Amino acid sequence: MADSTAKAMAKIAYEALEDKKAVDITIIDIGEISVVADYFIIASGTNHNQVQALADNVEEQLGKAGYPMKQSEGYRTANWILMDYGDIIVHVFDAENRLFYDLERIWRDGKTITKEDLA
């Protein structure tokens, strides 16, 4: 069971992605099956500029809430931006790489949840 901090962070990240019109936002609760994080949040952008804008907004909104990013990879190429916040990991893909890496399949033992589950 994820703690309230992880839930709060996941909700902020989800809303930041939603605010910039991310495509197909998915939240996977991996807390029971992994020590890596409590939640994966996966979303797509329609082009490189949007992928970067999505990542920028997540970083800005979580930063404003007092949750600094621990590590980020892939920003320059914007094919797959991975943002590690400890309790949550945000993955922002372009459409092609999201299909290729298919994290939803790889992490299918996790529980897919809705934004409402984070309330």
C-alpha atoms as a PDB file:
ATOM      1  CA  MET A   1       0.000   0.000   0.000  1.00  0.00           C
ATOM      2  CA  ALA A   2       1.511   3.277  -1.128  1.00  0.00           C
ATOM      3  CA  ASP A   3       1.824   6.080   1.367  1.00  0.00           C
ATOM      4  CA  SER A   4      -0.001   9.392   1.145  1.00  0.00           C
ATOM      5  CA  THR A   5       3.109  11.226  -0.134  1.00  0.00           C
ATOM      6  CA  ALA A   6       3.409   8.888  -3.126  1.00  0.00           C
ATOM      7  CA  LYS A   7      -0.323   9.290  -3.825  1.00  0.00           C
ATOM      8  CA  ALA A   8      -0.067  13.076  -3.636  1.00  0.00           C
ATOM      9  CA  MET A   9       2.933  13.089  -5.968  1.00  0.00           C
ATOM     10  CA  ALA A  10       1.216  10.769  -8.449  1.00  0.00           C
ATOM     11  CA  LYS A  11      -1.895  12.970  -8.469  1.00  0.00           C
ATOM     12  CA  ILE A  12       0.150  16.121  -9.128  1.00  0.00           C
ATOM     13  CA  ALA A  13       2.086  14.409 -11.924  1.00  0.00           C
ATOM     14  CA  TYR A  14      -1.128  13.073 -13.485  1.00  0.00           C
ATOM     15  CA  GLU A  15      -2.746  16.508 -13.424  1.00  0.00           C
ATOM     16  CA  ALA A  16       0.399  18.128 -14.860  1.00  0.00           C
ATOM     17  CA  LEU A  17       0.297  15.660 -17.766  1.00  0.00           C
ATOM     18  CA  GLU A  18      -3.444  16.127 -18.207  1.00  0.00           C
ATOM     19  CA  ASP A  19      -3.003  19.911 -18.213  1.00  0.00           C
ATOM     20  CA  LYS A  20      -0.668  19.697 -21.235  1.00  0.00           C
ATOM     21  CA  LYS A  21      -2.968  17.269 -23.122  1.00  0.00           C
ATOM     22  CA  ALA A  22      -0.938  14.078 -22.688  1.00  0.00           C
ATOM     23  CA  VAL A  23      -2.262  11.072 -24.567  1.00  0.00           C
ATOM     24  CA  ASP A  24      -3.346   7.891 -22.734  1.00  0.00           C
ATOM     25  CA  ILE A  25      -2.140   8.597 -19.180  1.00  0.00           C
ATOM     26  CA  THR A  26      -1.778   5.345 -17.251  1.00  0.00           C
ATOM     27  CA  ILE A  27      -1.048   4.923 -13.539  1.00  0.00           C
ATOM     28  CA  ILE A  28       0.342   1.577 -12.411  1.00  0.00           C
ATOM     29  CA  ASP A  29       0.572   0.824  -8.698  1.00  0.00           C
ATOM     30  CA  ILE A  30       3.771  -1.228  -8.431  1.00  0.00           C
ATOM     31  CA  GLY A  31       4.214  -0.829  -4.668  1.00  0.00           C
ATOM     32  CA  GLU A  32       3.339  -4.465  -3.952  1.00  0.00           C
ATOM     33  CA  ILE A  33       5.648  -5.924  -6.619  1.00  0.00           C
ATOM     34  CA  SER A  34       8.692  -3.652  -6.694  1.00  0.00           C
ATOM     35  CA  VAL A  35      11.011  -1.745  -4.397  1.00  0.00           C
ATOM     36  CA  VAL A  36      11.791   0.695  -7.237  1.00  0.00           C
ATOM     37  CA  ALA A  37       8.782   2.962  -6.588  1.00  0.00           C
ATOM     38  CA  ASP A  38       5.117   2.962  -5.587  1.00  0.00           C
ATOM     39  CA  TYR A  39       3.754   4.239  -8.892  1.00  0.00           C
ATOM     40  CA  PHE A  40       4.654   4.378 -12.551  1.00  0.00           C
ATOM     41  CA  ILE A  41       2.887   7.103 -14.467  1.00  0.00           C
ATOM     42  CA  ILE A  42       3.083   6.577 -18.215  1.00  0.00           C
ATOM     43  CA  ALA A  43       1.945   9.067 -20.846  1.00  0.00           C
ATOM     44  CA  SER A  44       2.533   9.959 -24.472  1.00  0.00           C
ATOM     45  CA  GLY A  45       3.015  13.146 -26.398  1.00  0.00           C
ATOM     46  CA  THR A  46       2.205  13.597 -30.060  1.00  0.00           C
ATOM     47  CA  ASN A  47       5.611  15.090 -30.976  1.00  0.00           C
ATOM     48  CA  HIS A  48       9.002  15.849 -29.418  1.00  0.00           C
ATOM     49  CA  ASN A  49       8.028  19.372 -28.375  1.00  0.00           C
ATOM     50  CA  GLN A  50       4.944  18.103 -26.552  1.00  0.00           C
ATOM     51  CA  VAL A  51       6.902  15.281 -24.898  1.00  0.00           C
ATOM     52  CA  GLN A  52       9.338  17.886 -23.538  1.00  0.00           C
ATOM     53  CA  ALA A  53       6.480  20.226 -22.522  1.00  0.00           C
ATOM     54  CA  LEU A  54       4.820  17.367 -20.625  1.00  0.00           C
ATOM     55  CA  ALA A  55       8.047  16.604 -18.759  1.00  0.00           C
ATOM     56  CA  ASP A  56       8.634  20.306 -18.060  1.00  0.00           C
ATOM     57  CA  ASN A  57       5.163  20.702 -16.561  1.00  0.00           C
ATOM     58  CA  VAL A  58       5.520  17.599 -14.365  1.00  0.00           C
ATOM     59  CA  GLU A  59       8.861  18.899 -13.079  1.00  0.00           C
ATOM     60  CA  GLU A  60       7.458  22.389 -12.497  1.00  0.00           C
ATOM     61  CA  GLN A  61       4.298  21.248 -10.681  1.00  0.00           C
ATOM     62  CA  LEU A  62       6.032  18.656  -8.486  1.00  0.00           C
ATOM     63  CA  GLY A  63       8.787  21.172  -7.749  1.00  0.00           C
ATOM     64  CA  LYS A  64       6.229  23.796  -6.658  1.00  0.00           C
ATOM     65  CA  ALA A  65       4.739  21.184  -4.318  1.00  0.00           C
ATOM     66  CA  GLY A  66       8.169  20.563  -2.773  1.00  0.00           C
ATOM     67  CA  TYR A  67       9.056  17.297  -4.517  1.00  0.00           C
ATOM     68  CA  PRO A  68      12.401  17.650  -6.295  1.00  0.00           C
ATOM     69  CA  MET A  69      13.315  15.290  -9.105  1.00  0.00           C
ATOM     70  CA  LYS A  70      16.091  12.852  -8.202  1.00  0.00           C
ATOM     71  CA  GLN A  71      17.120  11.995 -11.760  1.00  0.00           C
ATOM     72  CA  SER A  72      15.986  12.408 -15.349  1.00  0.00           C
ATOM     73  CA  GLU A  73      17.019  10.771 -18.600  1.00  0.00           C
ATOM     74  CA  GLY A  74      16.117  11.206 -22.247  1.00  0.00           C
ATOM     75  CA  TYR A  75      15.046  14.850 -22.279  1.00  0.00           C
ATOM     76  CA  ARG A  76      17.194  15.938 -25.211  1.00  0.00           C
ATOM     77  CA  THR A  77      16.022  13.224 -27.618  1.00  0.00           C
ATOM     78  CA  ALA A  78      12.449  13.278 -26.226  1.00  0.00           C
ATOM     79  CA  ASN A  79      11.696   9.712 -27.366  1.00  0.00           C
ATOM     80  CA  TRP A  80      11.301   8.502 -23.778  1.00  0.00           C
ATOM     81  CA  ILE A  81      11.825  10.837 -20.849  1.00  0.00           C
ATOM     82  CA  LEU A  82      12.198   9.048 -17.534  1.00  0.00           C
ATOM     83  CA  MET A  83      11.717  11.193 -14.434  1.00  0.00           C
ATOM     84  CA  ASP A  84      12.614   9.604 -11.101  1.00  0.00           C
ATOM     85  CA  TYR A  85      11.018  11.103  -8.005  1.00  0.00           C
ATOM     86  CA  GLY A  86      11.747   8.161  -5.719  1.00  0.00           C
ATOM     87  CA  ASP A  87       8.171   7.249  -4.747  1.00  0.00           C
ATOM     88  CA  ILE A  88       6.942   7.740  -8.307  1.00  0.00           C
ATOM     89  CA  ILE A  89       8.551   7.359 -11.712  1.00  0.00           C
ATOM     90  CA  VAL A  90       7.103   9.280 -14.636  1.00  0.00           C
ATOM     91  CA  HIS A  91       7.627   7.982 -18.171  1.00  0.00           C
ATOM     92  CA  VAL A  92       6.786  10.333 -21.046  1.00  0.00           C
ATOM     93  CA  PHE A  93       7.015   8.725 -24.471  1.00  0.00           C
ATOM     94  CA  ASP A  94       6.487   9.548 -28.085  1.00  0.00           C
ATOM     95  CA  ALA A  95       3.887   7.180 -29.593  1.00  0.00           C
ATOM     96  CA  GLU A  96       6.364   4.917 -31.393  1.00  0.00           C
ATOM     97  CA  ASN A  97       8.599   4.276 -28.376  1.00  0.00           C
ATOM     98  CA  ARG A  98       5.643   3.736 -26.056  1.00  0.00           C
ATOM     99  CA  LEU A  99       4.429   0.946 -28.304  1.00  0.00           C
ATOM    100  CA  PHE A 100       7.933  -0.483 -28.638  1.00  0.00           C
ATOM    101  CA  TYR A 101       8.797  -0.574 -24.925  1.00  0.00           C
ATOM    102  CA  ASP A 102       5.239  -1.449 -23.795  1.00  0.00           C
ATOM    103  CA  LEU A 103       5.785  -0.828 -20.085  1.00  0.00           C
ATOM    104  CA  GLU A 104       2.143  -1.641 -19.372  1.00  0.00           C
ATOM    105  CA  ARG A 105       2.802  -5.212 -20.512  1.00  0.00           C
ATOM    106  CA  ILE A 106       6.120  -5.520 -18.697  1.00  0.00           C
ATOM    107  CA  TRP A 107       4.544  -4.265 -15.441  1.00  0.00           C
ATOM    108  CA  ARG A 108       1.211  -6.068 -15.885  1.00  0.00           C
ATOM    109  CA  ASP A 109       1.578  -7.601 -12.410  1.00  0.00           C
ATOM    110  CA  GLY A 110       1.072  -4.099 -11.048  1.00  0.00           C
ATOM    111  CA  LYS A 111      -2.428  -2.731 -10.561  1.00  0.00           C
ATOM    112  CA  THR A 112      -3.647  -0.156 -13.084  1.00  0.00           C
ATOM    113  CA  ILE A 113      -5.513   2.515 -11.163  1.00  0.00           C
ATOM    114  CA  THR A 114      -7.411   5.715 -11.974  1.00  0.00           C
ATOM    115  CA  LYS A 115      -6.809   9.296 -10.950  1.00  0.00           C
ATOM    116  CA  GLU A 116      -9.790   8.931  -8.590  1.00  0.00           C
ATOM    117  CA  ASP A 117      -7.985   6.119  -6.748  1.00  0.00           C
ATOM    118  CA  LEU A 118      -5.337   8.671  -5.767  1.00  0.00           C
ATOM    119  CA  ALA A 119      -7.826  10.980  -3.992  1.00  0.00           C
END
